[in-house]
Amino acid sequence: MSRSAPATLIGVSDSVPEARLRFVTGKGGVGKTTVAAAYATLAATHGRRVLAVDTVNRGDLAPRIEVVSGRLGGPGPTVLGLTTKQALDEYIKRYLRVPIAPSSLGPVSRIFDFVSTAAPGVREILTVGKIGYEAVYGPWDDVVVDAPASGHVIELLSAPASLRRLAPTGPLASQTLWLQELLESDRTAITVVATPEELPVAETDQLLKRLRDETEVAVDTLVINRVPPQVEKVGRALLAGKAPASDDGPTARSIRSLVAVAVDRDVTTRPFVEELNELAEAFGLAVVEIIDDPVNPTDTAAAALADHGSLAAA
């Protein structure tokens, strides 16, 4: 397939996208940005050309990727911080043949600001359209998207289908058809991230149901993040008071305290880990468990994905 972009996207639905496209989502605060960074850096270590897209734009994705890429050496993923204004500028310049970015036109830019925030689905279609365009025409083997959290990702992924229902014919419908087909193809997948806590588990259940019922985009992986490490038998023995009586100095007491905290966390989170595994089984999803490591979270996530085999460079 030629990499050159057509003057219009009408007819692109016959093309085969060259990049694999993965959206990473989940409840806010569960570590989806860390997992997205892990996917991107892991794919880059396999020699793949990777674009990592930050749709949240809090500035968290790029530093996590840079730290890991710096240690690994070689070219790391390219990071794109995507804003609605940038996507709108690009759309108008490419398809309406306007040579100047509308965001630079002073009073005119306020009109576009209004349209992009007030019209239903415009913000989402611009964002996912830019992502899709990069997947089809960019020089990438993989596009990894740090997607919006929970409910907002539904709006993003369903935007092409929603727009086609509003405008089933005409140029706009044709331009969104290729995007809808890309999202619904086997080249696109979603990873949902959760932590073993009550609220994230409940929200993950709802998110998986909504993704299944309201979109045609395939969810293939559930990542259980921040799983506490299993406590060693010697630690449990210390906690149970089975250590020698002479070993009761400050060091031993500190060890017992640390083990007590670890055991307590393991006990309180284990049922939620089991619940998430049951949820994944019910939806037919692969599961990746990531042991909690606050020091090197992206490295740890990448190692867990690599251990999973087929997801290593997905």
Protein backbone atom coordinates (compact mmCIF):
# COMPACT_ATOMS: atom_id res chain seq x y z
CA MET A 1 0.00 0.00 0.00
CA SER A 2 1.29 3.45 -0.84
CA ARG A 3 2.13 5.63 2.13
CA SER A 4 1.08 8.81 0.31
CA ALA A 5 -2.09 10.39 1.64
CA PRO A 6 -5.01 10.86 -0.74
CA ALA A 7 -6.62 14.24 -1.27
CA THR A 8 -9.69 12.80 0.44
CA LEU A 9 -10.30 9.75 2.53
CA ILE A 10 -13.22 8.61 0.37
CA GLY A 11 -12.43 5.08 -0.76
CA VAL A 12 -9.79 4.43 1.88
CA SER A 13 -12.03 1.70 3.31
CA ASP A 14 -10.53 -0.63 0.67
CA SER A 15 -7.05 -0.11 2.09
CA VAL A 16 -5.34 -2.38 4.59
CA PRO A 17 -3.93 -0.51 7.60
CA GLU A 18 -0.27 -1.25 8.14
CA ALA A 19 0.08 -0.36 11.81
CA ARG A 20 -1.30 -2.32 14.72
CA LEU A 21 -3.41 -0.04 16.85
CA ARG A 22 -3.89 -0.52 20.59
CA PHE A 23 -5.94 1.60 22.97
CA VAL A 24 -5.14 1.37 26.68
CA THR A 25 -7.91 2.47 29.02
CA GLY A 26 -9.33 1.98 32.50
CA LYS A 27 -10.49 3.91 35.52
CA GLY A 28 -8.39 6.97 36.29
CA GLY A 29 -5.50 6.26 38.63
CA VAL A 30 -5.09 2.55 37.88
CA GLY A 31 -1.86 3.01 35.89
CA LYS A 32 -3.08 2.94 32.29
CA THR A 33 -0.42 5.49 31.26
CA THR A 34 2.28 3.24 32.72
CA VAL A 35 0.88 0.26 30.81
CA ALA A 36 0.64 2.28 27.58
CA ALA A 37 4.28 3.34 28.02
CA ALA A 38 5.22 -0.31 28.64
CA TYR A 39 3.51 -1.47 25.44
CA ALA A 40 5.23 1.26 23.42
CA THR A 41 8.74 0.71 24.80
CA LEU A 42 8.43 -3.05 24.58
CA ALA A 43 7.42 -2.88 20.92
CA ALA A 44 10.36 -0.54 20.24
CA THR A 45 12.79 -3.07 21.75
CA HIS A 46 11.62 -5.48 19.04
CA GLY A 47 12.83 -3.02 16.42
CA ARG A 48 9.35 -1.75 15.60
CA ARG A 49 8.56 1.86 14.73
CA VAL A 50 6.18 2.98 17.43
CA LEU A 51 3.96 6.02 17.85
CA ALA A 52 2.65 6.55 21.39
CA VAL A 53 -0.35 8.89 21.49
CA ASP A 54 -1.24 10.87 24.60
CA THR A 55 -4.92 11.78 24.40
CA VAL A 56 -5.06 12.92 28.03
CA ASN A 57 -2.23 15.45 27.69
CA ARG A 58 -1.20 15.61 31.32
CA GLY A 59 2.40 15.20 30.24
CA ASP A 60 2.86 11.83 31.97
CA LEU A 61 3.40 9.54 28.98
CA ALA A 62 6.53 11.04 27.43
CA PRO A 63 8.70 11.06 30.61
CA ARG A 64 7.88 7.42 31.37
CA ILE A 65 8.83 6.39 27.86
CA GLU A 66 11.99 8.51 27.84
CA VAL A 67 13.30 6.99 31.08
CA VAL A 68 12.92 3.42 29.88
CA SER A 69 14.09 4.15 26.32
CA GLY A 70 17.19 5.88 27.69
CA ARG A 71 18.17 2.76 29.61
CA LEU A 72 17.47 0.42 26.70
CA GLY A 73 19.37 2.44 24.11
CA GLY A 74 18.42 2.75 20.47
CA PRO A 75 15.47 4.66 19.02
CA GLY A 76 12.51 4.72 21.34
CA PRO A 77 8.86 5.41 20.57
CA THR A 78 7.78 8.75 19.17
CA VAL A 79 5.29 10.49 21.46
CA LEU A 80 2.40 12.55 20.10
CA GLY A 81 0.53 14.77 22.53
CA LEU A 82 -2.80 15.11 20.75
CA THR A 83 -5.12 18.05 21.34
CA THR A 84 -8.48 18.76 19.68
CA LYS A 85 -7.15 22.04 18.27
CA GLN A 86 -4.21 20.29 16.60
CA ALA A 87 -6.47 17.60 15.15
CA LEU A 88 -8.93 20.21 13.87
CA ASP A 89 -6.15 22.24 12.26
CA GLU A 90 -4.83 19.18 10.48
CA TYR A 91 -8.26 18.06 9.29
CA ILE A 92 -9.10 21.46 7.80
CA LYS A 93 -5.71 21.90 6.17
CA ARG A 94 -5.80 18.40 4.65
CA TYR A 95 -9.40 17.98 3.55
CA LEU A 96 -10.68 21.52 3.10
CA ARG A 97 -7.41 22.62 1.50
CA VAL A 98 -6.99 25.59 3.85
CA PRO A 99 -3.23 26.38 3.94
CA ILE A 100 -3.29 28.24 7.26
CA ALA A 101 -4.11 26.61 10.58
CA PRO A 102 -7.48 28.03 11.76
CA SER A 103 -6.22 28.19 15.34
CA SER A 104 -3.87 30.96 14.19
CA LEU A 105 -6.58 33.12 12.62
CA GLY A 106 -7.57 35.16 15.68
CA PRO A 107 -11.37 35.70 15.76
CA VAL A 108 -11.92 32.85 13.29
CA SER A 109 -10.25 30.43 15.67
CA ARG A 110 -12.95 31.07 18.27
CA ILE A 111 -15.54 29.76 15.84
CA PHE A 112 -13.61 26.52 15.50
CA ASP A 113 -13.18 26.35 19.25
CA PHE A 114 -16.95 26.59 19.62
CA VAL A 115 -17.62 23.94 17.00
CA SER A 116 -15.08 21.50 18.43
CA THR A 117 -16.51 21.76 21.95
CA ALA A 118 -20.22 22.28 21.30
CA ALA A 119 -21.05 19.97 18.39
CA PRO A 120 -21.77 16.38 19.52
CA GLY A 121 -18.94 14.00 18.74
CA VAL A 122 -16.72 16.51 16.91
CA ARG A 123 -13.97 16.45 19.51
CA GLU A 124 -13.92 12.64 19.53
CA ILE A 125 -14.04 12.21 15.76
CA LEU A 126 -11.16 14.63 15.30
CA THR A 127 -9.08 12.84 17.90
CA VAL A 128 -9.73 9.29 16.75
CA GLY A 129 -9.47 10.44 13.12
CA LYS A 130 -5.92 11.67 13.67
CA ILE A 131 -5.03 8.42 15.44
CA GLY A 132 -6.51 6.38 12.61
CA TYR A 133 -4.76 8.45 9.98
CA GLU A 134 -1.40 7.81 11.63
CA ALA A 135 -2.16 4.08 11.80
CA VAL A 136 -3.00 3.93 8.10
CA TYR A 137 -0.60 6.45 6.57
CA GLY A 138 2.09 7.09 9.16
CA PRO A 139 5.48 5.37 9.07
CA TRP A 140 4.58 3.21 12.08
CA ASP A 141 4.46 -0.49 12.83
CA ASP A 142 2.52 0.10 16.05
CA VAL A 143 0.36 2.91 17.38
CA VAL A 144 -0.25 2.74 21.14
CA VAL A 145 -2.85 5.11 22.56
CA ASP A 146 -3.03 6.26 26.15
CA ALA A 147 -6.79 6.60 25.83
CA PRO A 148 -9.31 8.50 27.96
CA ALA A 149 -10.56 6.84 31.11
CA SER A 150 -13.60 4.56 31.29
CA GLY A 151 -16.77 6.19 29.89
CA HIS A 152 -14.94 8.76 27.77
CA VAL A 153 -13.22 6.04 25.78
CA ILE A 154 -16.65 4.75 24.71
CA GLU A 155 -17.41 8.14 23.14
CA LEU A 156 -14.04 8.13 21.39
CA LEU A 157 -14.35 4.64 19.91
CA SER A 158 -18.00 4.96 18.93
CA ALA A 159 -17.61 8.41 17.33
CA PRO A 160 -17.32 7.21 13.68
CA ALA A 161 -20.39 4.97 13.94
CA SER A 162 -22.34 7.68 15.76
CA LEU A 163 -21.47 10.27 13.12
CA ARG A 164 -22.45 7.92 10.32
CA ARG A 165 -25.85 7.45 11.93
CA LEU A 166 -26.30 11.22 11.96
CA ALA A 167 -25.01 11.65 8.39
CA PRO A 168 -25.42 8.29 6.62
CA THR A 169 -24.60 9.65 3.14
CA GLY A 170 -22.28 12.20 1.58
CA PRO A 171 -18.56 12.98 1.86
CA LEU A 172 -18.52 13.04 5.66
CA ALA A 173 -20.04 9.56 5.85
CA SER A 174 -17.50 8.25 3.36
CA GLN A 175 -14.63 9.80 5.26
CA THR A 176 -15.72 8.16 8.51
CA LEU A 177 -16.38 4.73 6.96
CA TRP A 178 -12.69 3.89 6.64
CA LEU A 179 -12.14 4.92 10.24
CA GLN A 180 -14.99 2.79 11.53
CA GLU A 181 -13.71 -0.19 9.55
CA LEU A 182 -10.20 0.33 10.95
CA LEU A 183 -11.46 0.36 14.53
CA GLU A 184 -13.56 -2.74 13.96
CA SER A 185 -10.79 -4.67 12.18
CA ASP A 186 -8.56 -7.29 13.73
CA ARG A 187 -5.65 -4.83 13.62
CA THR A 188 -7.18 -2.82 16.46
CA ALA A 189 -7.48 -3.94 20.09
CA ILE A 190 -8.17 -2.57 23.55
CA THR A 191 -6.37 -3.26 26.79
CA VAL A 192 -8.33 -2.50 29.95
CA VAL A 193 -6.29 -1.79 33.09
CA ALA A 194 -7.58 -2.33 36.64
CA THR A 195 -6.20 -2.55 40.15
CA PRO A 196 -7.33 -5.09 42.77
CA GLU A 197 -9.59 -2.74 44.67
CA GLU A 198 -13.36 -2.65 45.05
CA LEU A 199 -14.20 0.47 43.01
CA PRO A 200 -11.84 -0.22 40.06
CA VAL A 201 -13.18 -3.79 39.85
CA ALA A 202 -16.78 -2.55 39.73
CA GLU A 203 -15.96 0.09 37.12
CA THR A 204 -14.00 -2.42 35.04
CA ASP A 205 -17.03 -4.70 34.96
CA GLN A 206 -19.19 -1.84 33.70
CA LEU A 207 -16.57 -0.70 31.18
CA LEU A 208 -16.18 -4.16 29.66
CA LYS A 209 -19.95 -4.47 29.29
CA ARG A 210 -20.21 -1.06 27.63
CA LEU A 211 -17.32 -1.76 25.26
CA ARG A 212 -19.03 -5.00 24.28
CA ASP A 213 -22.52 -3.51 23.92
CA GLU A 214 -21.78 -0.04 22.51
CA THR A 215 -18.74 -0.55 20.27
CA GLU A 216 -17.43 -3.11 17.82
CA VAL A 217 -13.81 -2.68 18.91
CA ALA A 218 -12.24 -5.84 20.31
CA VAL A 219 -11.03 -5.99 23.90
CA ASP A 220 -8.36 -8.67 24.13
CA THR A 221 -6.49 -8.04 27.40
CA LEU A 222 -7.19 -7.24 31.02
CA VAL A 223 -4.16 -5.99 32.91
CA ILE A 224 -4.31 -6.33 36.69
CA ASN A 225 -1.89 -3.70 37.92
CA ARG A 226 -0.25 -3.22 41.32
CA VAL A 227 -0.73 -6.78 42.49
CA PRO A 228 1.09 -7.12 45.84
CA PRO A 229 4.04 -9.53 45.80
CA GLN A 230 3.52 -12.85 47.49
CA VAL A 231 5.01 -12.94 50.99
CA GLU A 232 7.80 -15.46 51.46
CA LYS A 233 7.29 -18.37 53.84
CA VAL A 234 10.01 -17.07 56.10
CA GLY A 235 8.11 -13.81 56.39
CA ARG A 236 4.95 -15.60 57.37
CA ALA A 237 6.93 -17.57 59.95
CA LEU A 238 8.27 -14.35 61.42
CA LEU A 239 4.80 -12.87 61.52
CA ALA A 240 3.52 -15.95 63.34
CA GLY A 241 6.18 -15.49 66.02
CA LYS A 242 8.13 -18.57 65.05
CA ALA A 243 11.46 -16.79 64.81
CA PRO A 244 14.03 -17.74 67.47
CA ALA A 245 13.45 -15.94 70.76
CA SER A 246 16.96 -14.45 70.66
CA ASP A 247 16.18 -12.78 67.35
CA ASP A 248 13.99 -10.05 68.86
CA GLY A 249 16.05 -6.94 68.27
CA PRO A 250 15.01 -3.82 66.35
CA THR A 251 15.80 -5.42 62.99
CA ALA A 252 13.60 -8.44 63.63
CA ARG A 253 10.76 -6.24 64.89
CA SER A 254 11.04 -4.07 61.75
CA ILE A 255 10.96 -7.14 59.55
CA ARG A 256 7.88 -8.42 61.35
CA SER A 257 6.17 -5.04 60.89
CA LEU A 258 6.94 -4.95 57.18
CA VAL A 259 5.79 -8.51 56.69
CA ALA A 260 2.61 -7.77 58.62
CA VAL A 261 1.82 -4.92 56.24
CA ALA A 262 2.60 -7.09 53.22
CA VAL A 263 0.47 -9.96 54.48
CA ASP A 264 -2.42 -7.63 55.26
CA ARG A 265 -2.29 -6.12 51.78
CA ASP A 266 -2.05 -9.54 50.19
CA VAL A 267 -5.07 -10.74 52.15
CA THR A 268 -7.19 -7.69 51.35
CA THR A 269 -6.38 -7.55 47.62
CA ARG A 270 -6.30 -11.25 46.74
CA PRO A 271 -10.11 -11.58 46.51
CA PHE A 272 -10.20 -8.70 44.04
CA VAL A 273 -7.43 -10.26 41.94
CA GLU A 274 -9.52 -13.43 41.81
CA GLU A 275 -12.62 -11.41 40.91
CA LEU A 276 -10.79 -9.70 38.05
CA ASN A 277 -9.55 -13.06 36.76
CA GLU A 278 -13.11 -14.37 36.84
CA LEU A 279 -14.26 -11.27 34.99
CA ALA A 280 -11.62 -11.79 32.32
CA GLU A 281 -12.64 -15.41 31.92
CA ALA A 282 -16.29 -14.40 31.53
CA PHE A 283 -15.37 -11.97 28.73
CA GLY A 284 -12.81 -14.30 27.14
CA LEU A 285 -9.84 -12.02 27.80
CA ALA A 286 -6.17 -12.70 28.34
CA VAL A 287 -4.89 -11.62 31.77
CA VAL A 288 -1.59 -9.98 32.60
CA GLU A 289 -0.79 -9.48 36.29
CA ILE A 290 1.75 -6.79 37.13
CA ILE A 291 3.44 -7.01 40.52
CA ASP A 292 3.49 -3.67 42.29
CA ASP A 293 6.80 -1.88 41.87
CA PRO A 294 6.66 1.85 42.66
CA VAL A 295 10.37 2.29 41.85
CA ASN A 296 10.34 0.99 38.24
CA PRO A 297 6.66 0.61 37.29
CA THR A 298 7.09 0.89 33.50
CA ASP A 299 9.96 -1.62 33.44
CA THR A 300 7.93 -4.02 35.56
CA ALA A 301 4.87 -3.64 33.34
CA ALA A 302 6.95 -4.20 30.20
CA ALA A 303 8.47 -7.35 31.69
CA ALA A 304 5.03 -8.71 32.56
CA LEU A 305 3.78 -8.04 29.02
CA ALA A 306 6.90 -9.64 27.57
CA ASP A 307 6.36 -12.74 29.71
CA HIS A 308 2.91 -13.01 28.22
CA GLY A 309 4.43 -13.80 24.82
CA SER A 310 1.98 -12.84 22.10
CA LEU A 311 1.36 -9.44 23.67
CA ALA A 312 5.06 -8.56 23.74
CA ALA A 313 5.06 -6.23 20.77
CA ALA A 314 1.32 -5.73 20.38
